[in-house]
Amino acid sequence: MSTRAVLEVIALDAVDAVAAQAGGADRLELVTDMAADGLTPPVRTFAGIRAAVDIDLRVMLRLTDGFAAGDLDRLAQAARELRAAGATEFVLGFLDGHGGVDLDAVERIVGELDGAAWTFHRAVDRAADRDALRKQLDGLPGLDTYLTAGSPHGVDDGLPTLLAEAARSGEPGYEPRLLVGGGLRLDHVPTLLAARIDGFHIGGAARPDGWSGPVSATAVEEWRRAVDGQ
């Protein structure tokens, strides 16, 4: 069983996906509309990417900008359609108006996933109480990852939180993997690795030309070497 760190790259289309896999990504997060910080992609986009690469794909379940669940019926339908198309891993996360986890919404959508693995995304960084959120979600089927910068302002501000949470690994609510993303830079990686954090998530860092350009296999290769401790 491999013990190397997981490198996840955001992909918008099959061109991104092929480049990310060529560069050494272990997994892709599939989204559309990065102007809204990533929304659910069309089923046809998922299908095209699934046909283009053979690494793991986590598909975003999010219909609008922000962290409110919005139209749960539409979101549930999207989850069902993606499952029917072969999606087996997902990304989601909803907060209520007070910054608490919207547990009803999360449970409703997780119920559509039939045990599929999923990541609770950076809504955790906007939560009023991160520890309470983790404990409320503890034990939900399929939850195996938190995507987090440790702060809504990015990894620079969130590093102390990330290190503290990594030190609690294995406690109730802290079993899922920490997948660090959001203002993540290469110079953060050694400190995170030293804390036994083994998940890294990049978006713009894989795109030398910004979001208007594709993922660069060369950029992903540089991150692959870094997260492998080279």
Protein backbone atom coordinates (compact mmCIF):
# COMPACT_ATOMS: atom_id res chain seq x y z
CA MET A 1 0.00 0.00 0.00
CA SER A 2 1.38 3.39 -1.06
CA THR A 3 2.17 5.86 1.70
CA ARG A 4 3.04 8.78 -0.53
CA ALA A 5 1.19 12.07 -0.13
CA VAL A 6 -1.91 12.72 -2.20
CA LEU A 7 -1.67 15.49 -4.78
CA GLU A 8 -5.06 16.71 -5.98
CA VAL A 9 -5.40 19.17 -8.89
CA ILE A 10 -8.46 21.14 -9.96
CA ALA A 11 -9.55 20.24 -13.50
CA LEU A 12 -12.10 22.06 -15.62
CA ASP A 13 -11.94 19.82 -18.67
CA ALA A 14 -10.24 16.82 -20.23
CA VAL A 15 -7.21 18.87 -21.35
CA ASP A 16 -6.57 19.86 -17.73
CA ALA A 17 -7.09 16.29 -16.60
CA VAL A 18 -4.62 14.78 -19.04
CA ALA A 19 -1.94 17.33 -18.13
CA ALA A 20 -2.50 16.85 -14.39
CA GLN A 21 -2.20 13.08 -14.67
CA ALA A 22 0.93 13.41 -16.82
CA GLY A 23 2.46 15.63 -14.15
CA GLY A 24 1.87 13.09 -11.40
CA ALA A 25 -1.46 14.09 -9.82
CA ASP A 26 -3.13 11.33 -7.84
CA ARG A 27 -6.61 12.79 -8.02
CA LEU A 28 -8.61 15.56 -9.66
CA GLU A 29 -11.28 17.83 -8.26
CA LEU A 30 -13.78 18.49 -11.06
CA VAL A 31 -15.52 21.85 -11.10
CA THR A 32 -16.85 24.50 -13.43
CA ASP A 33 -17.06 28.29 -13.07
CA MET A 34 -14.04 29.25 -11.00
CA ALA A 35 -15.40 32.82 -10.89
CA ALA A 36 -17.80 31.36 -8.31
CA ASP A 37 -14.98 29.34 -6.66
CA GLY A 38 -16.05 26.10 -8.35
CA LEU A 39 -19.52 24.72 -9.06
CA THR A 40 -20.89 21.33 -10.13
CA PRO A 41 -19.75 20.47 -13.66
CA PRO A 42 -22.15 19.09 -16.28
CA VAL A 43 -22.41 15.31 -16.46
CA ARG A 44 -20.95 15.43 -19.98
CA THR A 45 -17.82 17.14 -18.62
CA PHE A 46 -17.42 14.44 -15.99
CA ALA A 47 -17.90 11.75 -18.63
CA GLY A 48 -15.31 13.31 -20.93
CA ILE A 49 -12.75 13.55 -18.17
CA ARG A 50 -13.49 10.04 -16.95
CA ALA A 51 -12.82 8.75 -20.47
CA ALA A 52 -9.57 10.73 -20.74
CA VAL A 53 -7.78 9.70 -17.51
CA ASP A 54 -7.68 6.78 -15.11
CA ILE A 55 -6.90 8.56 -11.82
CA ASP A 56 -9.46 9.28 -9.10
CA LEU A 57 -12.02 12.05 -9.69
CA ARG A 58 -13.86 13.99 -6.99
CA VAL A 59 -16.81 15.95 -8.37
CA MET A 60 -18.00 19.18 -6.77
CA LEU A 61 -21.62 19.31 -5.56
CA ARG A 62 -22.28 23.05 -5.30
CA LEU A 63 -24.77 25.05 -7.34
CA THR A 64 -24.14 28.66 -6.27
CA ASP A 65 -21.36 30.84 -4.95
CA GLY A 66 -21.11 30.83 -1.16
CA PHE A 67 -21.69 28.02 1.31
CA ALA A 68 -25.47 27.85 1.57
CA ALA A 69 -26.90 24.64 0.14
CA GLY A 70 -29.48 26.39 -2.02
CA ASP A 71 -31.95 24.23 -3.95
CA LEU A 72 -31.52 20.80 -2.36
CA ASP A 73 -33.80 19.09 -4.85
CA ARG A 74 -31.63 20.29 -7.75
CA LEU A 75 -28.48 19.36 -5.89
CA ALA A 76 -29.80 15.89 -5.09
CA GLN A 77 -30.76 15.41 -8.73
CA ALA A 78 -27.25 16.43 -9.83
CA ALA A 79 -25.76 13.92 -7.39
CA ARG A 80 -28.01 11.15 -8.73
CA GLU A 81 -27.14 11.95 -12.34
CA LEU A 82 -23.42 11.98 -11.62
CA ARG A 83 -23.66 8.69 -9.71
CA ALA A 84 -25.55 7.17 -12.64
CA ALA A 85 -22.78 8.38 -14.98
CA GLY A 86 -20.17 6.58 -12.88
CA ALA A 87 -18.95 9.19 -10.40
CA THR A 88 -17.77 7.53 -7.20
CA GLU A 89 -16.18 10.42 -5.25
CA PHE A 90 -17.51 13.89 -4.41
CA VAL A 91 -16.81 17.25 -2.75
CA LEU A 92 -19.44 19.18 -0.76
CA GLY A 93 -20.03 21.31 2.33
CA PHE A 94 -22.83 23.58 3.53
CA LEU A 95 -23.14 26.15 6.31
CA ASP A 96 -26.21 27.76 7.81
CA GLY A 97 -26.66 31.51 8.25
CA HIS A 98 -24.85 31.46 11.59
CA GLY A 99 -21.70 29.73 10.38
CA GLY A 100 -22.69 26.32 11.71
CA VAL A 101 -22.75 23.21 9.57
CA ASP A 102 -26.08 22.75 7.75
CA LEU A 103 -26.35 19.17 8.88
CA ASP A 104 -29.76 18.57 7.31
CA ALA A 105 -28.45 19.61 3.90
CA VAL A 106 -25.24 17.60 4.22
CA GLU A 107 -27.12 14.48 5.33
CA ARG A 108 -29.65 14.88 2.49
CA ILE A 109 -26.94 14.98 -0.17
CA VAL A 110 -24.74 12.33 1.44
CA GLY A 111 -27.82 10.11 1.40
CA GLU A 112 -27.80 10.33 -2.40
CA LEU A 113 -24.18 9.19 -2.62
CA ASP A 114 -24.76 5.58 -1.55
CA GLY A 115 -21.62 5.41 0.56
CA ALA A 116 -19.33 7.14 -1.95
CA ALA A 117 -16.21 8.82 -0.58
CA TRP A 118 -16.40 12.58 -0.19
CA THR A 119 -14.50 15.66 0.93
CA PHE A 120 -15.94 18.42 3.12
CA HIS A 121 -14.52 21.46 1.35
CA ARG A 122 -13.35 24.87 2.50
CA ALA A 123 -16.68 25.76 4.07
CA VAL A 124 -14.87 24.47 7.17
CA ASP A 125 -12.64 27.56 6.96
CA ARG A 126 -15.73 29.80 7.26
CA ALA A 127 -17.28 27.86 10.13
CA ALA A 128 -17.97 29.66 13.40
CA ASP A 129 -16.55 26.65 15.28
CA ARG A 130 -14.35 24.22 13.35
CA ASP A 131 -14.16 21.71 16.17
CA ALA A 132 -17.94 21.61 16.61
CA LEU A 133 -18.40 21.15 12.86
CA ARG A 134 -16.00 18.22 12.77
CA LYS A 135 -17.71 16.53 15.69
CA GLN A 136 -21.16 17.01 14.16
CA LEU A 137 -20.00 15.41 10.91
CA ASP A 138 -18.13 12.59 12.65
CA GLY A 139 -19.32 9.21 11.44
CA LEU A 140 -21.17 10.35 8.32
CA PRO A 141 -20.81 7.69 5.62
CA GLY A 142 -18.02 8.33 3.13
CA LEU A 143 -16.46 11.41 4.76
CA ASP A 144 -12.73 10.83 4.49
CA THR A 145 -11.21 14.27 3.82
CA TYR A 146 -11.32 17.93 4.85
CA LEU A 147 -10.11 20.42 2.25
CA THR A 148 -8.84 23.35 4.29
CA ALA A 149 -6.37 26.21 4.46
CA GLY A 150 -6.87 26.47 8.21
CA SER A 151 -8.25 29.99 7.69
CA PRO A 152 -10.54 31.80 5.25
CA HIS A 153 -7.51 33.94 4.40
CA GLY A 154 -5.29 31.08 3.24
CA VAL A 155 -2.52 28.82 4.43
CA ASP A 156 -0.25 31.65 5.63
CA ASP A 157 -2.82 32.59 8.26
CA GLY A 158 -4.09 29.05 8.78
CA LEU A 159 -0.82 27.21 9.29
CA PRO A 160 -1.03 27.11 13.12
CA THR A 161 -4.56 25.68 12.89
CA LEU A 162 -3.49 23.07 10.36
CA LEU A 163 -0.60 21.94 12.55
CA ALA A 164 -2.83 21.79 15.63
CA GLU A 165 -5.46 19.75 13.81
CA ALA A 166 -2.84 17.40 12.39
CA ALA A 167 -1.65 16.76 15.95
CA ARG A 168 -5.19 15.60 16.83
CA SER A 169 -5.32 12.99 14.06
CA GLY A 170 -7.28 9.95 15.18
CA GLU A 171 -9.44 11.75 17.73
CA PRO A 172 -13.23 11.77 17.18
CA GLY A 173 -13.89 14.12 14.28
CA TYR A 174 -10.22 14.18 13.30
CA GLU A 175 -9.90 10.84 11.51
CA PRO A 176 -10.41 12.26 7.98
CA ARG A 177 -7.34 13.27 6.00
CA LEU A 178 -6.30 16.91 5.94
CA LEU A 179 -6.09 18.04 2.31
CA VAL A 180 -4.41 21.44 2.40
CA GLY A 181 -5.39 23.98 -0.22
CA GLY A 182 -6.12 27.67 -0.53
CA GLY A 183 -3.11 29.93 -0.93
CA LEU A 184 -0.85 26.90 -0.67
CA ARG A 185 2.73 27.50 -1.84
CA LEU A 186 5.67 25.23 -2.36
CA ASP A 187 7.48 26.74 0.62
CA HIS A 188 4.66 25.58 2.92
CA VAL A 189 5.11 21.94 1.94
CA PRO A 190 8.12 20.94 4.11
CA THR A 191 6.45 22.24 7.28
CA LEU A 192 3.22 20.42 6.45
CA LEU A 193 5.03 17.19 5.64
CA ALA A 194 6.94 17.42 8.92
CA ALA A 195 3.57 17.54 10.69
CA ARG A 196 2.57 14.32 8.87
CA ILE A 197 0.05 16.09 6.69
CA ASP A 198 -0.19 14.05 3.52
CA GLY A 199 -2.78 15.78 1.33
CA PHE A 200 -2.15 18.74 -0.99
CA HIS A 201 -4.63 20.50 -3.28
CA ILE A 202 -3.69 22.98 -6.01
CA GLY A 203 -5.65 25.01 -8.52
CA GLY A 204 -4.06 28.22 -9.78
CA ALA A 205 -0.62 26.92 -8.80
CA ALA A 206 -0.92 24.38 -11.61
CA ARG A 207 -1.71 27.09 -14.19
CA PRO A 208 1.18 29.41 -15.11
CA ASP A 209 -1.18 31.48 -17.30
CA GLY A 210 -3.90 31.76 -14.67
CA TRP A 211 -7.42 30.41 -14.86
CA SER A 212 -7.69 31.45 -18.50
CA GLY A 213 -5.00 28.89 -19.35
CA PRO A 214 -4.77 25.11 -18.94
CA VAL A 215 -3.09 23.01 -16.29
CA SER A 216 0.63 22.65 -16.90
CA ALA A 217 2.09 19.16 -16.57
CA THR A 218 5.45 20.76 -15.76
CA ALA A 219 3.95 22.76 -12.89
CA VAL A 220 2.26 19.65 -11.53
CA GLU A 221 5.57 17.75 -11.77
CA GLU A 222 7.22 20.40 -9.59
CA TRP A 223 4.51 19.94 -6.96
CA ARG A 224 4.79 16.17 -7.23
CA ARG A 225 8.47 16.35 -6.37
CA ALA A 226 7.80 18.71 -3.47
CA VAL A 227 5.06 16.64 -1.85
CA ASP A 228 7.23 13.56 -2.28
CA GLY A 229 9.85 15.37 -0.19
CA GLN A 230 12.34 15.68 -3.01
